Amino acid sequence: MKKDIRQTFRKEVFTRDGNHCKCCPSTSTELDAHHITDRSEMANGGYVKENGITLCKECHLKAEKFHMTGGKEFVEGYHPEDLYKLIDSSKGKAVLMSQLLK
């Protein structure tokens, strides 16, 4: 069940983002569906496209700095608010959709 939710999350995020990193022009095939707000802070793990963004390996590491430092540090352009803007979402939308996830 959880595996299906993860796969659906990745598929929906990659499809919306055209299977390309949203932060750089990289053509890397090593893409990940990054949780913008940490899974532990969201109902049902935040596995909704409104909380996900497609990132290449390098950009994913930049975005993770925010989570790894408890929000104390971040790379400019990779703050969660910046990432939500890139996908026309917000933490509020992500929280709401995550609460509706079954």
C-alpha atoms as a PDB file:
ATOM      1  CA  MET A   1       0.000   0.000   0.000  1.00  0.00           C
ATOM      2  CA  LYS A   2       2.692   2.523   1.018  1.00  0.00           C
ATOM      3  CA  LYS A   3       4.773   1.489  -1.991  1.00  0.00           C
ATOM      4  CA  ASP A   4       1.803   2.245  -4.276  1.00  0.00           C
ATOM      5  CA  ILE A   5       1.367   5.688  -2.695  1.00  0.00           C
ATOM      6  CA  ARG A   6       5.064   6.474  -3.270  1.00  0.00           C
ATOM      7  CA  GLN A   7       4.929   5.302  -6.885  1.00  0.00           C
ATOM      8  CA  THR A   8       1.803   7.344  -7.574  1.00  0.00           C
ATOM      9  CA  PHE A   9       3.457  10.395  -5.976  1.00  0.00           C
ATOM     10  CA  ARG A  10       6.578  10.056  -8.160  1.00  0.00           C
ATOM     11  CA  LYS A  11       4.551   9.464 -11.319  1.00  0.00           C
ATOM     12  CA  GLU A  12       2.275  12.468 -10.733  1.00  0.00           C
ATOM     13  CA  VAL A  13       5.186  14.785  -9.872  1.00  0.00           C
ATOM     14  CA  PHE A  14       7.311  13.669 -12.847  1.00  0.00           C
ATOM     15  CA  THR A  15       4.368  13.929 -15.243  1.00  0.00           C
ATOM     16  CA  ARG A  16       3.431  17.439 -14.086  1.00  0.00           C
ATOM     17  CA  ASP A  17       7.077  18.555 -14.365  1.00  0.00           C
ATOM     18  CA  GLY A  18       7.636  16.978 -17.777  1.00  0.00           C
ATOM     19  CA  ASN A  19      10.276  14.580 -16.411  1.00  0.00           C
ATOM     20  CA  HIS A  20      12.768  17.451 -16.043  1.00  0.00           C
ATOM     21  CA  CYS A  21      14.429  19.135 -13.097  1.00  0.00           C
ATOM     22  CA  LYS A  22      12.423  22.256 -12.252  1.00  0.00           C
ATOM     23  CA  CYS A  23      15.471  24.150 -10.924  1.00  0.00           C
ATOM     24  CA  CYS A  24      18.050  23.767 -13.674  1.00  0.00           C
ATOM     25  CA  PRO A  25      18.320  22.781 -17.338  1.00  0.00           C
ATOM     26  CA  SER A  26      19.938  19.452 -16.467  1.00  0.00           C
ATOM     27  CA  THR A  27      19.088  16.553 -18.740  1.00  0.00           C
ATOM     28  CA  SER A  28      20.115  14.089 -16.034  1.00  0.00           C
ATOM     29  CA  THR A  29      18.235  10.835 -15.912  1.00  0.00           C
ATOM     30  CA  GLU A  30      18.825  10.697 -12.151  1.00  0.00           C
ATOM     31  CA  LEU A  31      15.673  12.505 -11.098  1.00  0.00           C
ATOM     32  CA  ASP A  32      13.892  12.402  -7.774  1.00  0.00           C
ATOM     33  CA  ALA A  33      10.514  13.545  -6.528  1.00  0.00           C
ATOM     34  CA  HIS A  34      11.513  15.779  -3.620  1.00  0.00           C
ATOM     35  CA  HIS A  35       9.098  16.388  -0.729  1.00  0.00           C
ATOM     36  CA  ILE A  36       9.114  20.164  -0.326  1.00  0.00           C
ATOM     37  CA  THR A  37       7.771  20.005   3.222  1.00  0.00           C
ATOM     38  CA  ASP A  38       9.247  17.071   5.098  1.00  0.00           C
ATOM     39  CA  ARG A  39       7.075  13.945   5.160  1.00  0.00           C
ATOM     40  CA  SER A  40       7.131  13.902   8.965  1.00  0.00           C
ATOM     41  CA  GLU A  41       5.380  17.289   9.054  1.00  0.00           C
ATOM     42  CA  MET A  42       2.500  16.299   6.786  1.00  0.00           C
ATOM     43  CA  ALA A  43      -0.581  14.154   7.199  1.00  0.00           C
ATOM     44  CA  ASN A  44      -0.246  10.834   5.383  1.00  0.00           C
ATOM     45  CA  GLY A  45       3.422  11.584   4.645  1.00  0.00           C
ATOM     46  CA  GLY A  46       2.748  14.420   2.235  1.00  0.00           C
ATOM     47  CA  TYR A  47       2.685  12.100  -0.777  1.00  0.00           C
ATOM     48  CA  VAL A  48       0.764  14.550  -2.972  1.00  0.00           C
ATOM     49  CA  LYS A  49       1.978  16.310  -6.096  1.00  0.00           C
ATOM     50  CA  GLU A  50       1.295  19.678  -4.433  1.00  0.00           C
ATOM     51  CA  ASN A  51       4.160  18.831  -2.041  1.00  0.00           C
ATOM     52  CA  GLY A  52       6.543  17.380  -4.617  1.00  0.00           C
ATOM     53  CA  ILE A  53       8.936  18.744  -7.193  1.00  0.00           C
ATOM     54  CA  THR A  54      11.158  16.987  -9.725  1.00  0.00           C
ATOM     55  CA  LEU A  55      14.837  17.631  -9.049  1.00  0.00           C
ATOM     56  CA  CYS A  56      18.087  16.267 -10.452  1.00  0.00           C
ATOM     57  CA  LYS A  57      20.614  14.803  -8.023  1.00  0.00           C
ATOM     58  CA  GLU A  58      22.558  18.075  -7.619  1.00  0.00           C
ATOM     59  CA  CYS A  59      19.482  20.238  -7.089  1.00  0.00           C
ATOM     60  CA  HIS A  60      18.016  17.675  -4.701  1.00  0.00           C
ATOM     61  CA  LEU A  61      21.089  18.015  -2.479  1.00  0.00           C
ATOM     62  CA  LYS A  62      20.679  21.798  -2.507  1.00  0.00           C
ATOM     63  CA  ALA A  63      17.010  21.516  -1.525  1.00  0.00           C
ATOM     64  CA  GLU A  64      17.788  18.990   1.219  1.00  0.00           C
ATOM     65  CA  LYS A  65      20.095  21.462   2.989  1.00  0.00           C
ATOM     66  CA  PHE A  66      16.999  23.157   4.425  1.00  0.00           C
ATOM     67  CA  HIS A  67      15.781  19.870   5.928  1.00  0.00           C
ATOM     68  CA  MET A  68      19.213  18.719   7.089  1.00  0.00           C
ATOM     69  CA  THR A  69      19.751  21.929   9.081  1.00  0.00           C
ATOM     70  CA  GLY A  70      16.273  22.092  10.563  1.00  0.00           C
ATOM     71  CA  GLY A  71      15.498  25.101   8.384  1.00  0.00           C
ATOM     72  CA  LYS A  72      18.451  27.133   9.671  1.00  0.00           C
ATOM     73  CA  GLU A  73      20.305  27.119   6.354  1.00  0.00           C
ATOM     74  CA  PHE A  74      19.295  26.908   2.727  1.00  0.00           C
ATOM     75  CA  VAL A  75      20.690  27.480  -0.730  1.00  0.00           C
ATOM     76  CA  GLU A  76      19.210  30.582  -2.348  1.00  0.00           C
ATOM     77  CA  GLY A  77      16.406  29.598  -4.709  1.00  0.00           C
ATOM     78  CA  TYR A  78      15.885  26.262  -2.947  1.00  0.00           C
ATOM     79  CA  HIS A  79      13.893  27.399   0.091  1.00  0.00           C
ATOM     80  CA  PRO A  80      10.557  25.538   0.299  1.00  0.00           C
ATOM     81  CA  GLU A  81       8.647  28.724  -0.581  1.00  0.00           C
ATOM     82  CA  ASP A  82      10.745  29.060  -3.764  1.00  0.00           C
ATOM     83  CA  LEU A  83      10.096  25.438  -4.707  1.00  0.00           C
ATOM     84  CA  TYR A  84       6.347  25.741  -4.143  1.00  0.00           C
ATOM     85  CA  LYS A  85       6.287  28.778  -6.462  1.00  0.00           C
ATOM     86  CA  LEU A  86       7.982  26.764  -9.221  1.00  0.00           C
ATOM     87  CA  ILE A  87       5.094  24.287  -9.219  1.00  0.00           C
ATOM     88  CA  ASP A  88       2.312  26.829  -8.557  1.00  0.00           C
ATOM     89  CA  SER A  89       1.573  25.371  -5.129  1.00  0.00           C
ATOM     90  CA  SER A  90       1.944  26.347  -1.484  1.00  0.00           C
ATOM     91  CA  LYS A  91       2.371  24.686   1.883  1.00  0.00           C
ATOM     92  CA  GLY A  92      -1.322  25.364   2.546  1.00  0.00           C
ATOM     93  CA  LYS A  93      -2.382  23.547  -0.640  1.00  0.00           C
ATOM     94  CA  ALA A  94      -0.001  20.686   0.127  1.00  0.00           C
ATOM     95  CA  VAL A  95      -1.311  20.314   3.693  1.00  0.00           C
ATOM     96  CA  LEU A  96      -4.928  20.288   2.501  1.00  0.00           C
ATOM     97  CA  MET A  97      -4.340  17.745  -0.258  1.00  0.00           C
ATOM     98  CA  SER A  98      -2.281  15.569   2.078  1.00  0.00           C
ATOM     99  CA  GLN A  99      -5.119  15.522   4.609  1.00  0.00           C
ATOM    100  CA  LEU A 100      -7.445  14.317   1.846  1.00  0.00           C
ATOM    101  CA  LEU A 101      -5.091  11.515   0.798  1.00  0.00           C
ATOM    102  CA  LYS A 102      -6.509   8.063   1.402  1.00  0.00           C
END
